Amino acid sequence: MEQSKIDRINQLTQISRQRELTEEEQAERQALRREYIDSVKQSLIGHLDNTVIVDAQGVRRPLKPRGPVN
């Protein structure tokens, strides 16, 4: 996710502490938050897909998929 979008989330949060957000601002913040959460999930999945377990004998085994992430 682009830093400018993260900055916008923070800006909208700061504004919400000073006054109530308009419907458009609330919708924008919600969409940006969803995009941020999705990007964090994808990043985590990428890291886990490249993670291996090394047992006591030195055998490297990839992590087994556990199913879809919601």
PDB file of N, CA and C in Angstrom:
ATOM      1  N   MET A   1       0.846  -1.166   0.000  1.00  0.00           N
ATOM      2  CA  MET A   1       0.000   0.000   0.000  1.00  0.00           C
ATOM      3  C   MET A   1       0.895   1.233   0.000  1.00  0.00           C
ATOM      4  N   GLU A   2       0.484   2.219  -0.742  1.00  0.00           N
ATOM      5  CA  GLU A   2       1.264   3.442  -0.872  1.00  0.00           C
ATOM      6  C   GLU A   2       1.243   4.241   0.434  1.00  0.00           C
ATOM      7  N   GLN A   3       2.354   4.878   0.717  1.00  0.00           N
ATOM      8  CA  GLN A   3       2.464   5.689   1.930  1.00  0.00           C
ATOM      9  C   GLN A   3       1.448   6.826   1.934  1.00  0.00           C
ATOM     10  N   SER A   4       1.125   7.366   0.768  1.00  0.00           N
ATOM     11  CA  SER A   4       0.159   8.462   0.708  1.00  0.00           C
ATOM     12  C   SER A   4      -1.225   8.012   1.186  1.00  0.00           C
ATOM     13  N   LYS A   5      -1.579   6.759   0.929  1.00  0.00           N
ATOM     14  CA  LYS A   5      -2.869   6.246   1.393  1.00  0.00           C
ATOM     15  C   LYS A   5      -2.865   6.038   2.905  1.00  0.00           C
ATOM     16  N   ILE A   6      -1.754   5.569   3.432  1.00  0.00           N
ATOM     17  CA  ILE A   6      -1.628   5.419   4.884  1.00  0.00           C
ATOM     18  C   ILE A   6      -1.703   6.782   5.553  1.00  0.00           C
ATOM     19  N   ASP A   7      -1.043   7.758   4.953  1.00  0.00           N
ATOM     20  CA  ASP A   7      -1.101   9.118   5.483  1.00  0.00           C
ATOM     21  C   ASP A   7      -2.532   9.650   5.477  1.00  0.00           C
ATOM     22  N   ARG A   8      -3.286   9.305   4.438  1.00  0.00           N
ATOM     23  CA  ARG A   8      -4.682   9.766   4.347  1.00  0.00           C
ATOM     24  C   ARG A   8      -5.534   9.116   5.438  1.00  0.00           C
ATOM     25  N   ILE A   9      -5.309   7.841   5.714  1.00  0.00           N
ATOM     26  CA  ILE A   9      -6.018   7.170   6.810  1.00  0.00           C
ATOM     27  C   ILE A   9      -5.743   7.910   8.114  1.00  0.00           C
ATOM     28  N   ASN A  10      -4.482   8.208   8.366  1.00  0.00           N
ATOM     29  CA  ASN A  10      -4.103   8.915   9.587  1.00  0.00           C
ATOM     30  C   ASN A  10      -4.714  10.303   9.639  1.00  0.00           C
ATOM     31  N   GLN A  11      -4.756  10.969   8.506  1.00  0.00           N
ATOM     32  CA  GLN A  11      -5.339  12.305   8.449  1.00  0.00           C
ATOM     33  C   GLN A  11      -6.838  12.252   8.769  1.00  0.00           C
ATOM     34  N   LEU A  12      -7.537  11.293   8.201  1.00  0.00           N
ATOM     35  CA  LEU A  12      -8.965  11.156   8.470  1.00  0.00           C
ATOM     36  C   LEU A  12      -9.217  10.803   9.941  1.00  0.00           C
ATOM     37  N   THR A  13      -8.358  10.005  10.523  1.00  0.00           N
ATOM     38  CA  THR A  13      -8.491   9.669  11.940  1.00  0.00           C
ATOM     39  C   THR A  13      -8.297  10.912  12.800  1.00  0.00           C
ATOM     40  N   GLN A  14      -7.313  11.718  12.446  1.00  0.00           N
ATOM     41  CA  GLN A  14      -7.057  12.970  13.174  1.00  0.00           C
ATOM     42  C   GLN A  14      -8.265  13.905  13.066  1.00  0.00           C
ATOM     43  N   ILE A  15      -8.831  14.006  11.883  1.00  0.00           N
ATOM     44  CA  ILE A  15     -10.008  14.856  11.677  1.00  0.00           C
ATOM     45  C   ILE A  15     -11.178  14.348  12.521  1.00  0.00           C
ATOM     46  N   SER A  16     -11.332  13.017  12.594  1.00  0.00           N
ATOM     47  CA  SER A  16     -12.457  12.443  13.343  1.00  0.00           C
ATOM     48  C   SER A  16     -12.371  12.747  14.833  1.00  0.00           C
ATOM     49  N   ARG A  17     -11.179  13.038  15.316  1.00  0.00           N
ATOM     50  CA  ARG A  17     -11.009  13.406  16.724  1.00  0.00           C
ATOM     51  C   ARG A  17     -11.407  14.853  16.989  1.00  0.00           C
ATOM     52  N   GLN A  18     -11.434  15.648  15.924  1.00  0.00           N
ATOM     53  CA  GLN A  18     -11.787  17.049  16.059  1.00  0.00           C
ATOM     54  C   GLN A  18     -13.266  17.302  15.766  1.00  0.00           C
ATOM     55  N   ARG A  19     -13.804  16.532  14.819  1.00  0.00           N
ATOM     56  CA  ARG A  19     -15.204  16.691  14.429  1.00  0.00           C
ATOM     57  C   ARG A  19     -15.696  15.378  13.839  1.00  0.00           C
ATOM     58  N   GLU A  20     -16.986  15.292  13.660  1.00  0.00           N
ATOM     59  CA  GLU A  20     -17.550  14.093  13.040  1.00  0.00           C
ATOM     60  C   GLU A  20     -17.255  14.110  11.549  1.00  0.00           C
ATOM     61  N   LEU A  21     -16.869  12.951  11.024  1.00  0.00           N
ATOM     62  CA  LEU A  21     -16.578  12.838   9.597  1.00  0.00           C
ATOM     63  C   LEU A  21     -17.874  12.860   8.795  1.00  0.00           C
ATOM     64  N   THR A  22     -17.780  13.401   7.585  1.00  0.00           N
ATOM     65  CA  THR A  22     -18.928  13.357   6.673  1.00  0.00           C
ATOM     66  C   THR A  22     -19.089  11.920   6.183  1.00  0.00           C
ATOM     67  N   GLU A  23     -20.221  11.641   5.566  1.00  0.00           N
ATOM     68  CA  GLU A  23     -20.471  10.298   5.028  1.00  0.00           C
ATOM     69  C   GLU A  23     -19.405   9.898   4.015  1.00  0.00           C
ATOM     70  N   GLU A  24     -19.002  10.859   3.166  1.00  0.00           N
ATOM     71  CA  GLU A  24     -17.986  10.582   2.147  1.00  0.00           C
ATOM     72  C   GLU A  24     -16.637  10.272   2.805  1.00  0.00           C
ATOM     73  N   GLU A  25     -16.290  11.016   3.835  1.00  0.00           N
ATOM     74  CA  GLU A  25     -15.020  10.791   4.531  1.00  0.00           C
ATOM     75  C   GLU A  25     -15.036   9.448   5.253  1.00  0.00           C
ATOM     76  N   GLN A  26     -16.169   9.096   5.858  1.00  0.00           N
ATOM     77  CA  GLN A  26     -16.279   7.798   6.521  1.00  0.00           C
ATOM     78  C   GLN A  26     -16.129   6.656   5.524  1.00  0.00           C
ATOM     79  N   ALA A  27     -16.765   6.798   4.380  1.00  0.00           N
ATOM     80  CA  ALA A  27     -16.672   5.766   3.348  1.00  0.00           C
ATOM     81  C   ALA A  27     -15.242   5.651   2.817  1.00  0.00           C
ATOM     82  N   GLU A  28     -14.588   6.793   2.617  1.00  0.00           N
ATOM     83  CA  GLU A  28     -13.201   6.794   2.149  1.00  0.00           C
ATOM     84  C   GLU A  28     -12.293   6.111   3.164  1.00  0.00           C
ATOM     85  N   ARG A  29     -12.464   6.476   4.443  1.00  0.00           N
ATOM     86  CA  ARG A  29     -11.625   5.885   5.488  1.00  0.00           C
ATOM     87  C   ARG A  29     -11.850   4.380   5.565  1.00  0.00           C
ATOM     88  N   GLN A  30     -13.102   3.942   5.483  1.00  0.00           N
ATOM     89  CA  GLN A  30     -13.403   2.513   5.543  1.00  0.00           C
ATOM     90  C   GLN A  30     -12.779   1.763   4.363  1.00  0.00           C
ATOM     91  N   ALA A  31     -12.867   2.335   3.167  1.00  0.00           N
ATOM     92  CA  ALA A  31     -12.276   1.700   1.983  1.00  0.00           C
ATOM     93  C   ALA A  31     -10.752   1.627   2.109  1.00  0.00           C
ATOM     94  N   LEU A  32     -10.141   2.691   2.596  1.00  0.00           N
ATOM     95  CA  LEU A  32      -8.684   2.698   2.763  1.00  0.00           C
ATOM     96  C   LEU A  32      -8.253   1.695   3.832  1.00  0.00           C
ATOM     97  N   ARG A  33      -9.007   1.607   4.900  1.00  0.00           N
ATOM     98  CA  ARG A  33      -8.692   0.634   5.957  1.00  0.00           C
ATOM     99  C   ARG A  33      -8.779  -0.786   5.425  1.00  0.00           C
ATOM    100  N   ARG A  34      -9.822  -1.077   4.641  1.00  0.00           N
ATOM    101  CA  ARG A  34      -9.985  -2.411   4.063  1.00  0.00           C
ATOM    102  C   ARG A  34      -8.806  -2.734   3.150  1.00  0.00           C
ATOM    103  N   GLU A  35      -8.401  -1.772   2.328  1.00  0.00           N
ATOM    104  CA  GLU A  35      -7.264  -1.970   1.432  1.00  0.00           C
ATOM    105  C   GLU A  35      -5.991  -2.239   2.236  1.00  0.00           C
ATOM    106  N   TYR A  36      -5.802  -1.509   3.341  1.00  0.00           N
ATOM    107  CA  TYR A  36      -4.633  -1.694   4.194  1.00  0.00           C
ATOM    108  C   TYR A  36      -4.633  -3.095   4.807  1.00  0.00           C
ATOM    109  N   ILE A  37      -5.765  -3.522   5.347  1.00  0.00           N
ATOM    110  CA  ILE A  37      -5.859  -4.849   5.962  1.00  0.00           C
ATOM    111  C   ILE A  37      -5.568  -5.933   4.929  1.00  0.00           C
ATOM    112  N   ASP A  38      -6.133  -5.793   3.738  1.00  0.00           N
ATOM    113  CA  ASP A  38      -5.897  -6.773   2.679  1.00  0.00           C
ATOM    114  C   ASP A  38      -4.420  -6.836   2.291  1.00  0.00           C
ATOM    115  N   SER A  39      -3.756  -5.692   2.244  1.00  0.00           N
ATOM    116  CA  SER A  39      -2.336  -5.688   1.879  1.00  0.00           C
ATOM    117  C   SER A  39      -1.484  -6.333   2.977  1.00  0.00           C
ATOM    118  N   VAL A  40      -1.855  -6.130   4.237  1.00  0.00           N
ATOM    119  CA  VAL A  40      -1.126  -6.765   5.342  1.00  0.00           C
ATOM    120  C   VAL A  40      -1.317  -8.278   5.287  1.00  0.00           C
ATOM    121  N   LYS A  41      -2.540  -8.722   5.023  1.00  0.00           N
ATOM    122  CA  LYS A  41      -2.800 -10.158   4.909  1.00  0.00           C
ATOM    123  C   LYS A  41      -1.978 -10.774   3.786  1.00  0.00           C
ATOM    124  N   GLN A  42      -1.948 -10.127   2.625  1.00  0.00           N
ATOM    125  CA  GLN A  42      -1.189 -10.649   1.489  1.00  0.00           C
ATOM    126  C   GLN A  42       0.297 -10.723   1.817  1.00  0.00           C
ATOM    127  N   SER A  43       0.794  -9.723   2.498  1.00  0.00           N
ATOM    128  CA  SER A  43       2.202  -9.722   2.892  1.00  0.00           C
ATOM    129  C   SER A  43       2.506 -10.880   3.835  1.00  0.00           C
ATOM    130  N   LEU A  44       1.636 -11.095   4.802  1.00  0.00           N
ATOM    131  CA  LEU A  44       1.819 -12.191   5.753  1.00  0.00           C
ATOM    132  C   LEU A  44       1.762 -13.542   5.053  1.00  0.00           C
ATOM    133  N   ILE A  45       0.822 -13.705   4.157  1.00  0.00           N
ATOM    134  CA  ILE A  45       0.709 -14.963   3.400  1.00  0.00           C
ATOM    135  C   ILE A  45       1.984 -15.207   2.602  1.00  0.00           C
ATOM    136  N   GLY A  46       2.524 -14.153   1.992  1.00  0.00           N
ATOM    137  CA  GLY A  46       3.771 -14.283   1.238  1.00  0.00           C
ATOM    138  C   GLY A  46       4.925 -14.723   2.115  1.00  0.00           C
ATOM    139  N   HIS A  47       5.002 -14.155   3.315  1.00  0.00           N
ATOM    140  CA  HIS A  47       6.060 -14.553   4.241  1.00  0.00           C
ATOM    141  C   HIS A  47       5.894 -16.006   4.674  1.00  0.00           C
ATOM    142  N   LEU A  48       4.680 -16.392   5.001  1.00  0.00           N
ATOM    143  CA  LEU A  48       4.442 -17.760   5.451  1.00  0.00           C
ATOM    144  C   LEU A  48       4.670 -18.771   4.332  1.00  0.00           C
ATOM    145  N   ASP A  49       4.359 -18.402   3.096  1.00  0.00           N
ATOM    146  CA  ASP A  49       4.594 -19.298   1.963  1.00  0.00           C
ATOM    147  C   ASP A  49       6.086 -19.576   1.765  1.00  0.00           C
ATOM    148  N   ASN A  50       6.928 -18.672   2.207  1.00  0.00           N
ATOM    149  CA  ASN A  50       8.372 -18.837   2.045  1.00  0.00           C
ATOM    150  C   ASN A  50       9.071 -19.264   3.333  1.00  0.00           C
ATOM    151  N   THR A  51       8.305 -19.665   4.343  1.00  0.00           N
ATOM    152  CA  THR A  51       8.864 -20.083   5.620  1.00  0.00           C
ATOM    153  C   THR A  51       9.051 -21.592   5.624  1.00  0.00           C
ATOM    154  N   VAL A  52      10.180 -22.028   6.135  1.00  0.00           N
ATOM    155  CA  VAL A  52      10.439 -23.467   6.260  1.00  0.00           C
ATOM    156  C   VAL A  52      10.764 -23.787   7.716  1.00  0.00           C
ATOM    157  N   ILE A  53      10.471 -25.013   8.098  1.00  0.00           N
ATOM    158  CA  ILE A  53      10.779 -25.531   9.424  1.00  0.00           C
ATOM    159  C   ILE A  53      11.980 -26.457   9.268  1.00  0.00           C
ATOM    160  N   VAL A  54      12.989 -26.259  10.103  1.00  0.00           N
ATOM    161  CA  VAL A  54      14.167 -27.121  10.087  1.00  0.00           C
ATOM    162  C   VAL A  54      14.101 -27.991  11.339  1.00  0.00           C
ATOM    163  N   ASP A  55      14.022 -29.322  11.153  1.00  0.00           N
ATOM    164  CA  ASP A  55      13.926 -30.212  12.307  1.00  0.00           C
ATOM    165  C   ASP A  55      15.316 -30.501  12.878  1.00  0.00           C
ATOM    166  N   ALA A  56      15.364 -31.333  13.893  1.00  0.00           N
ATOM    167  CA  ALA A  56      16.622 -31.624  14.594  1.00  0.00           C
ATOM    168  C   ALA A  56      17.667 -32.274  13.687  1.00  0.00           C
ATOM    169  N   GLN A  57      17.232 -32.974  12.640  1.00  0.00           N
ATOM    170  CA  GLN A  57      18.175 -33.612  11.713  1.00  0.00           C
ATOM    171  C   GLN A  57      18.600 -32.668  10.598  1.00  0.00           C
ATOM    172  N   GLY A  58      18.069 -31.460  10.584  1.00  0.00           N
ATOM    173  CA  GLY A  58      18.444 -30.488   9.568  1.00  0.00           C
ATOM    174  C   GLY A  58      17.597 -30.542   8.311  1.00  0.00           C
ATOM    175  N   VAL A  59      16.516 -31.306   8.355  1.00  0.00           N
ATOM    176  CA  VAL A  59      15.630 -31.423   7.194  1.00  0.00           C
ATOM    177  C   VAL A  59      14.731 -30.189   7.146  1.00  0.00           C
ATOM    178  N   ARG A  60      14.695 -29.581   5.970  1.00  0.00           N
ATOM    179  CA  ARG A  60      13.880 -28.378   5.783  1.00  0.00           C
ATOM    180  C   ARG A  60      12.531 -28.763   5.186  1.00  0.00           C
ATOM    181  N   ARG A  61      11.461 -28.319   5.842  1.00  0.00           N
ATOM    182  CA  ARG A  61      10.109 -28.614   5.367  1.00  0.00           C
ATOM    183  C   ARG A  61       9.311 -27.319   5.296  1.00  0.00           C
ATOM    184  N   PRO A  62       8.626 -27.085   4.184  1.00  0.00           N
ATOM    185  CA  PRO A  62       7.782 -25.892   4.097  1.00  0.00           C
ATOM    186  C   PRO A  62       6.570 -26.034   5.019  1.00  0.00           C
ATOM    187  N   LEU A  63       6.038 -24.909   5.429  1.00  0.00           N
ATOM    188  CA  LEU A  63       4.809 -24.938   6.220  1.00  0.00           C
ATOM    189  C   LEU A  63       3.675 -25.485   5.366  1.00  0.00           C
ATOM    190  N   LYS A  64       2.783 -26.233   6.003  1.00  0.00           N
ATOM    191  CA  LYS A  64       1.650 -26.781   5.269  1.00  0.00           C
ATOM    192  C   LYS A  64       0.533 -25.735   5.242  1.00  0.00           C
ATOM    193  N   PRO A  65      -0.126 -25.594   4.104  1.00  0.00           N
ATOM    194  CA  PRO A  65      -1.270 -24.671   4.044  1.00  0.00           C
ATOM    195  C   PRO A  65      -2.381 -25.148   4.978  1.00  0.00           C
ATOM    196  N   ARG A  66      -3.015 -24.202   5.683  1.00  0.00           N
ATOM    197  CA  ARG A  66      -4.069 -24.544   6.625  1.00  0.00           C
ATOM    198  C   ARG A  66      -5.457 -24.286   6.069  1.00  0.00           C
ATOM    199  N   GLY A  67      -5.549 -23.635   4.948  1.00  0.00           N
ATOM    200  CA  GLY A  67      -6.846 -23.317   4.372  1.00  0.00           C
ATOM    201  C   GLY A  67      -6.935 -21.834   4.056  1.00  0.00           C
ATOM    202  N   PRO A  68      -8.062 -21.405   3.531  1.00  0.00           N
ATOM    203  CA  PRO A  68      -8.196 -19.994   3.134  1.00  0.00           C
ATOM    204  C   PRO A  68      -8.208 -19.066   4.340  1.00  0.00           C
ATOM    205  N   VAL A  69      -7.661 -17.877   4.104  1.00  0.00           N
ATOM    206  CA  VAL A  69      -7.643 -16.838   5.140  1.00  0.00           C
ATOM    207  C   VAL A  69      -8.787 -15.889   4.852  1.00  0.00           C
ATOM    208  N   ASN A  70      -9.596 -15.613   5.855  1.00  0.00           N
ATOM    209  CA  ASN A  70     -10.738 -14.707   5.672  1.00  0.00           C
ATOM    210  C   ASN A  70     -10.338 -13.282   5.909  1.00  0.00           C
TER     211      ASN A  70
END
